[in-house]
Amino acid sequence: MLGSTLSIAANRISYVFDLRGPSIAV
């Protein structure tokens, strides 16, 4: 589910690079 959900496309970048601002798939 983590691998196939569209929202995770943005969240994955925030997670890997530890970025803590808004993280949104559009």
PDB file of all heavy atoms in Angstrom:
ATOM      1  N   MET A   1       0.822  -1.215   0.000  1.00  0.00           N
ATOM      2  CA  MET A   1       0.000   0.000   0.000  1.00  0.00           C
ATOM      3  C   MET A   1       0.853   1.260   0.000  1.00  0.00           C
ATOM      4  O   MET A   1       0.547   2.236  -0.689  1.00  0.00           O
ATOM      5  CB  MET A   1      -0.955  -0.003   1.193  1.00  0.00           C
ATOM      6  CG  MET A   1      -2.038  -1.064   1.092  1.00  0.00           C
ATOM      7  SD  MET A   1      -2.949  -1.015  -0.481  1.00  0.00           S
ATOM      8  CE  MET A   1      -3.699   0.594  -0.397  1.00  0.00           C
ATOM      9  N   LEU A   2       1.964   1.246   0.750  1.00  0.00           N
ATOM     10  CA  LEU A   2       2.870   2.386   0.718  1.00  0.00           C
ATOM     11  C   LEU A   2       3.472   2.567  -0.671  1.00  0.00           C
ATOM     12  O   LEU A   2       3.717   3.684  -1.116  1.00  0.00           O
ATOM     13  CB  LEU A   2       3.997   2.195   1.733  1.00  0.00           C
ATOM     14  CG  LEU A   2       3.637   2.426   3.203  1.00  0.00           C
ATOM     15  CD1 LEU A   2       4.768   1.964   4.097  1.00  0.00           C
ATOM     16  CD2 LEU A   2       3.344   3.899   3.445  1.00  0.00           C
ATOM     17  N   GLY A   3       3.709   1.473  -1.329  1.00  0.00           N
ATOM     18  CA  GLY A   3       4.361   1.541  -2.630  1.00  0.00           C
ATOM     19  C   GLY A   3       3.457   1.942  -3.763  1.00  0.00           C
ATOM     20  O   GLY A   3       3.945   2.342  -4.833  1.00  0.00           O
ATOM     21  N   SER A   4       2.144   1.876  -3.572  1.00  0.00           N
ATOM     22  CA  SER A   4       1.234   2.093  -4.697  1.00  0.00           C
ATOM     23  C   SER A   4       0.253   3.246  -4.489  1.00  0.00           C
ATOM     24  O   SER A   4      -0.577   3.511  -5.358  1.00  0.00           O
ATOM     25  CB  SER A   4       0.436   0.814  -4.970  1.00  0.00           C
ATOM     26  OG  SER A   4      -0.303   0.417  -3.819  1.00  0.00           O
ATOM     27  N   THR A   5       0.345   3.960  -3.363  1.00  0.00           N
ATOM     28  CA  THR A   5      -0.568   5.056  -3.074  1.00  0.00           C
ATOM     29  C   THR A   5       0.018   6.373  -3.577  1.00  0.00           C
ATOM     30  O   THR A   5       1.187   6.664  -3.339  1.00  0.00           O
ATOM     31  CB  THR A   5      -0.828   5.146  -1.556  1.00  0.00           C
ATOM     32  OG1 THR A   5      -1.307   3.883  -1.093  1.00  0.00           O
ATOM     33  CG2 THR A   5      -1.854   6.220  -1.246  1.00  0.00           C
ATOM     34  N   LEU A   6      -0.795   7.182  -4.272  1.00  0.00           N
ATOM     35  CA  LEU A   6      -0.282   8.402  -4.898  1.00  0.00           C
ATOM     36  C   LEU A   6       0.278   9.388  -3.879  1.00  0.00           C
ATOM     37  O   LEU A   6       1.270  10.065  -4.140  1.00  0.00           O
ATOM     38  CB  LEU A   6      -1.382   9.071  -5.722  1.00  0.00           C
ATOM     39  CG  LEU A   6      -1.871   8.311  -6.965  1.00  0.00           C
ATOM     40  CD1 LEU A   6      -2.879   9.159  -7.734  1.00  0.00           C
ATOM     41  CD2 LEU A   6      -0.722   7.930  -7.875  1.00  0.00           C
ATOM     42  N   SER A   7      -0.345   9.511  -2.717  1.00  0.00           N
ATOM     43  CA  SER A   7       0.130  10.474  -1.725  1.00  0.00           C
ATOM     44  C   SER A   7       1.568  10.193  -1.306  1.00  0.00           C
ATOM     45  O   SER A   7       2.327  11.117  -0.983  1.00  0.00           O
ATOM     46  CB  SER A   7      -0.769  10.446  -0.492  1.00  0.00           C
ATOM     47  OG  SER A   7      -0.757   9.159   0.110  1.00  0.00           O
ATOM     48  N   ILE A   8       1.953   8.931  -1.327  1.00  0.00           N
ATOM     49  CA  ILE A   8       3.290   8.555  -0.874  1.00  0.00           C
ATOM     50  C   ILE A   8       4.367   9.053  -1.841  1.00  0.00           C
ATOM     51  O   ILE A   8       5.533   9.162  -1.475  1.00  0.00           O
ATOM     52  CB  ILE A   8       3.393   7.024  -0.687  1.00  0.00           C
ATOM     53  CG1 ILE A   8       2.308   6.546   0.281  1.00  0.00           C
ATOM     54  CG2 ILE A   8       4.753   6.607  -0.153  1.00  0.00           C
ATOM     55  CD1 ILE A   8       2.402   7.157   1.672  1.00  0.00           C
ATOM     56  N   ALA A   9       3.991   9.395  -3.075  1.00  0.00           N
ATOM     57  CA  ALA A   9       4.980   9.926  -4.020  1.00  0.00           C
ATOM     58  C   ALA A   9       5.642  11.183  -3.463  1.00  0.00           C
ATOM     59  O   ALA A   9       6.856  11.379  -3.605  1.00  0.00           O
ATOM     60  CB  ALA A   9       4.319  10.232  -5.362  1.00  0.00           C
ATOM     61  N   ALA A  10       4.849  12.042  -2.821  1.00  0.00           N
ATOM     62  CA  ALA A  10       5.413  13.230  -2.169  1.00  0.00           C
ATOM     63  C   ALA A  10       5.988  12.874  -0.804  1.00  0.00           C
ATOM     64  O   ALA A  10       7.082  13.308  -0.431  1.00  0.00           O
ATOM     65  CB  ALA A  10       4.340  14.304  -2.024  1.00  0.00           C
ATOM     66  N   ASN A  11       5.227  12.076  -0.046  1.00  0.00           N
ATOM     67  CA  ASN A  11       5.649  11.723   1.312  1.00  0.00           C
ATOM     68  C   ASN A  11       6.976  10.980   1.326  1.00  0.00           C
ATOM     69  O   ASN A  11       7.783  11.140   2.253  1.00  0.00           O
ATOM     70  CB  ASN A  11       4.589  10.869   1.995  1.00  0.00           C
ATOM     71  CG  ASN A  11       3.226  11.540   2.066  1.00  0.00           C
ATOM     72  OD1 ASN A  11       2.219  10.875   2.211  1.00  0.00           O
ATOM     73  ND2 ASN A  11       3.185  12.861   1.946  1.00  0.00           N
ATOM     74  N   ARG A  12       7.228  10.177   0.304  1.00  0.00           N
ATOM     75  CA  ARG A  12       8.473   9.413   0.238  1.00  0.00           C
ATOM     76  C   ARG A  12       9.674  10.358   0.136  1.00  0.00           C
ATOM     77  O   ARG A  12      10.717  10.124   0.759  1.00  0.00           O
ATOM     78  CB  ARG A  12       8.444   8.474  -0.973  1.00  0.00           C
ATOM     79  CG  ARG A  12       9.670   7.588  -1.136  1.00  0.00           C
ATOM     80  CD  ARG A  12       9.604   6.325  -0.343  1.00  0.00           C
ATOM     81  NE  ARG A  12       8.541   5.442  -0.787  1.00  0.00           N
ATOM     82  CZ  ARG A  12       8.315   4.232  -0.233  1.00  0.00           C
ATOM     83  NH1 ARG A  12       9.071   3.814   0.772  1.00  0.00           N
ATOM     84  NH2 ARG A  12       7.324   3.473  -0.667  1.00  0.00           N
ATOM     85  N   ILE A  13       9.537  11.410  -0.662  1.00  0.00           N
ATOM     86  CA  ILE A  13      10.625  12.396  -0.770  1.00  0.00           C
ATOM     87  C   ILE A  13      10.869  13.051   0.585  1.00  0.00           C
ATOM     88  O   ILE A  13      12.014  13.175   1.038  1.00  0.00           O
ATOM     89  CB  ILE A  13      10.273  13.457  -1.837  1.00  0.00           C
ATOM     90  CG1 ILE A  13      10.187  12.815  -3.224  1.00  0.00           C
ATOM     91  CG2 ILE A  13      11.308  14.585  -1.831  1.00  0.00           C
ATOM     92  CD1 ILE A  13       9.645  13.743  -4.294  1.00  0.00           C
ATOM     93  N   SER A  14       9.786  13.462   1.242  1.00  0.00           N
ATOM     94  CA  SER A  14       9.922  14.094   2.557  1.00  0.00           C
ATOM     95  C   SER A  14      10.571  13.148   3.555  1.00  0.00           C
ATOM     96  O   SER A  14      11.416  13.558   4.374  1.00  0.00           O
ATOM     97  CB  SER A  14       8.551  14.534   3.068  1.00  0.00           C
ATOM     98  OG  SER A  14       7.957  15.461   2.195  1.00  0.00           O
ATOM     99  N   TYR A  15      10.210  11.877   3.499  1.00  0.00           N
ATOM    100  CA  TYR A  15      10.745  10.893   4.430  1.00  0.00           C
ATOM    101  C   TYR A  15      12.234  10.629   4.186  1.00  0.00           C
ATOM    102  O   TYR A  15      13.055  10.689   5.103  1.00  0.00           O
ATOM    103  CB  TYR A  15       9.952   9.586   4.314  1.00  0.00           C
ATOM    104  CG  TYR A  15      10.541   8.443   5.107  1.00  0.00           C
ATOM    105  CD1 TYR A  15      10.316   8.353   6.477  1.00  0.00           C
ATOM    106  CD2 TYR A  15      11.313   7.473   4.485  1.00  0.00           C
ATOM    107  CE1 TYR A  15      10.865   7.303   7.212  1.00  0.00           C
ATOM    108  CE2 TYR A  15      11.869   6.432   5.208  1.00  0.00           C
ATOM    109  CZ  TYR A  15      11.642   6.352   6.574  1.00  0.00           C
ATOM    110  OH  TYR A  15      12.194   5.324   7.291  1.00  0.00           O
ATOM    111  N   VAL A  16      12.586  10.341   2.933  1.00  0.00           N
ATOM    112  CA  VAL A  16      13.970   9.983   2.621  1.00  0.00           C
ATOM    113  C   VAL A  16      14.927  11.136   2.913  1.00  0.00           C
ATOM    114  O   VAL A  16      16.022  10.939   3.452  1.00  0.00           O
ATOM    115  CB  VAL A  16      14.087   9.518   1.149  1.00  0.00           C
ATOM    116  CG1 VAL A  16      15.542   9.448   0.709  1.00  0.00           C
ATOM    117  CG2 VAL A  16      13.407   8.168   0.970  1.00  0.00           C
ATOM    118  N   PHE A  17      14.512  12.364   2.581  1.00  0.00           N
ATOM    119  CA  PHE A  17      15.385  13.518   2.781  1.00  0.00           C
ATOM    120  C   PHE A  17      15.123  14.233   4.112  1.00  0.00           C
ATOM    121  O   PHE A  17      15.763  15.236   4.404  1.00  0.00           O
ATOM    122  CB  PHE A  17      15.227  14.500   1.617  1.00  0.00           C
ATOM    123  CG  PHE A  17      15.721  13.965   0.308  1.00  0.00           C
ATOM    124  CD1 PHE A  17      14.867  13.313  -0.572  1.00  0.00           C
ATOM    125  CD2 PHE A  17      17.059  14.093  -0.060  1.00  0.00           C
ATOM    126  CE1 PHE A  17      15.325  12.810  -1.781  1.00  0.00           C
ATOM    127  CE2 PHE A  17      17.525  13.596  -1.264  1.00  0.00           C
ATOM    128  CZ  PHE A  17      16.660  12.948  -2.135  1.00  0.00           C
ATOM    129  N   ASP A  18      14.166  13.705   4.898  1.00  0.00           N
ATOM    130  CA  ASP A  18      13.807  14.275   6.198  1.00  0.00           C
ATOM    131  C   ASP A  18      13.421  15.741   6.067  1.00  0.00           C
ATOM    132  O   ASP A  18      13.921  16.621   6.770  1.00  0.00           O
ATOM    133  CB  ASP A  18      14.959  14.117   7.201  1.00  0.00           C
ATOM    134  CG  ASP A  18      14.520  14.415   8.637  1.00  0.00           C
ATOM    135  OD1 ASP A  18      13.305  14.436   8.886  1.00  0.00           O
ATOM    136  OD2 ASP A  18      15.414  14.645   9.491  1.00  0.00           O
ATOM    137  N   LEU A  19      12.478  16.014   5.160  1.00  0.00           N
ATOM    138  CA  LEU A  19      11.958  17.363   4.937  1.00  0.00           C
ATOM    139  C   LEU A  19      10.620  17.474   5.661  1.00  0.00           C
ATOM    140  O   LEU A  19       9.736  16.639   5.469  1.00  0.00           O
ATOM    141  CB  LEU A  19      11.792  17.626   3.442  1.00  0.00           C
ATOM    142  CG  LEU A  19      13.018  17.306   2.571  1.00  0.00           C
ATOM    143  CD1 LEU A  19      12.711  17.583   1.107  1.00  0.00           C
ATOM    144  CD2 LEU A  19      14.244  18.088   3.034  1.00  0.00           C
ATOM    145  N   ARG A  20      10.423  18.518   6.458  1.00  0.00           N
ATOM    146  CA  ARG A  20       9.319  18.534   7.403  1.00  0.00           C
ATOM    147  C   ARG A  20       8.255  19.596   7.134  1.00  0.00           C
ATOM    148  O   ARG A  20       7.431  19.891   7.995  1.00  0.00           O
ATOM    149  CB  ARG A  20       9.882  18.681   8.819  1.00  0.00           C
ATOM    150  CG  ARG A  20      10.866  17.561   9.142  1.00  0.00           C
ATOM    151  CD  ARG A  20      11.401  17.611  10.543  1.00  0.00           C
ATOM    152  NE  ARG A  20      12.391  16.546  10.760  1.00  0.00           N
ATOM    153  CZ  ARG A  20      13.000  16.323  11.937  1.00  0.00           C
ATOM    154  NH1 ARG A  20      12.721  17.095  12.976  1.00  0.00           N
ATOM    155  NH2 ARG A  20      13.878  15.347  12.041  1.00  0.00           N
ATOM    156  N   GLY A  21       8.260  20.169   5.929  1.00  0.00           N
ATOM    157  CA  GLY A  21       7.205  21.097   5.553  1.00  0.00           C
ATOM    158  C   GLY A  21       6.022  20.350   4.958  1.00  0.00           C
ATOM    159  O   GLY A  21       5.941  19.119   5.035  1.00  0.00           O
ATOM    160  N   PRO A  22       5.077  21.062   4.338  1.00  0.00           N
ATOM    161  CA  PRO A  22       3.943  20.404   3.674  1.00  0.00           C
ATOM    162  C   PRO A  22       4.437  19.362   2.672  1.00  0.00           C
ATOM    163  O   PRO A  22       5.438  19.582   1.982  1.00  0.00           O
ATOM    164  CB  PRO A  22       3.221  21.553   2.968  1.00  0.00           C
ATOM    165  CG  PRO A  22       3.630  22.778   3.723  1.00  0.00           C
ATOM    166  CD  PRO A  22       5.025  22.526   4.194  1.00  0.00           C
ATOM    167  N   SER A  23       3.737  18.235   2.601  1.00  0.00           N
ATOM    168  CA  SER A  23       4.126  17.150   1.686  1.00  0.00           C
ATOM    169  C   SER A  23       2.863  16.640   1.016  1.00  0.00           C
ATOM    170  O   SER A  23       2.098  15.873   1.600  1.00  0.00           O
ATOM    171  CB  SER A  23       4.819  16.030   2.466  1.00  0.00           C
ATOM    172  OG  SER A  23       5.282  15.013   1.598  1.00  0.00           O
ATOM    173  N   ILE A  24       2.641  17.085  -0.230  1.00  0.00           N
ATOM    174  CA  ILE A  24       1.327  16.921  -0.853  1.00  0.00           C
ATOM    175  C   ILE A  24       1.441  16.421  -2.294  1.00  0.00           C
ATOM    176  O   ILE A  24       2.205  16.967  -3.090  1.00  0.00           O
ATOM    177  CB  ILE A  24       0.565  18.259  -0.840  1.00  0.00           C
ATOM    178  CG1 ILE A  24       0.385  18.751   0.610  1.00  0.00           C
ATOM    179  CG2 ILE A  24      -0.789  18.136  -1.532  1.00  0.00           C
ATOM    180  CD1 ILE A  24      -0.182  20.154   0.713  1.00  0.00           C
ATOM    181  N   ALA A  25       0.669  15.401  -2.614  1.00  0.00           N
ATOM    182  CA  ALA A  25       0.515  14.954  -4.000  1.00  0.00           C
ATOM    183  C   ALA A  25      -0.690  15.672  -4.602  1.00  0.00           C
ATOM    184  O   ALA A  25      -1.736  15.777  -3.962  1.00  0.00           O
ATOM    185  CB  ALA A  25       0.322  13.446  -4.063  1.00  0.00           C
ATOM    186  N   VAL A  26      -0.540  16.153  -5.825  1.00  0.00           N
ATOM    187  CA  VAL A  26      -1.581  16.936  -6.494  1.00  0.00           C
ATOM    188  C   VAL A  26      -2.031  16.205  -7.751  1.00  0.00           C
ATOM    189  O   VAL A  26      -1.203  15.837  -8.588  1.00  0.00           O
ATOM    190  CB  VAL A  26      -1.053  18.340  -6.865  1.00  0.00           C
ATOM    191  CG1 VAL A  26      -2.101  19.117  -7.651  1.00  0.00           C
ATOM    192  CG2 VAL A  26      -0.636  19.106  -5.617  1.00  0.00           C
TER     193      VAL A  26
END
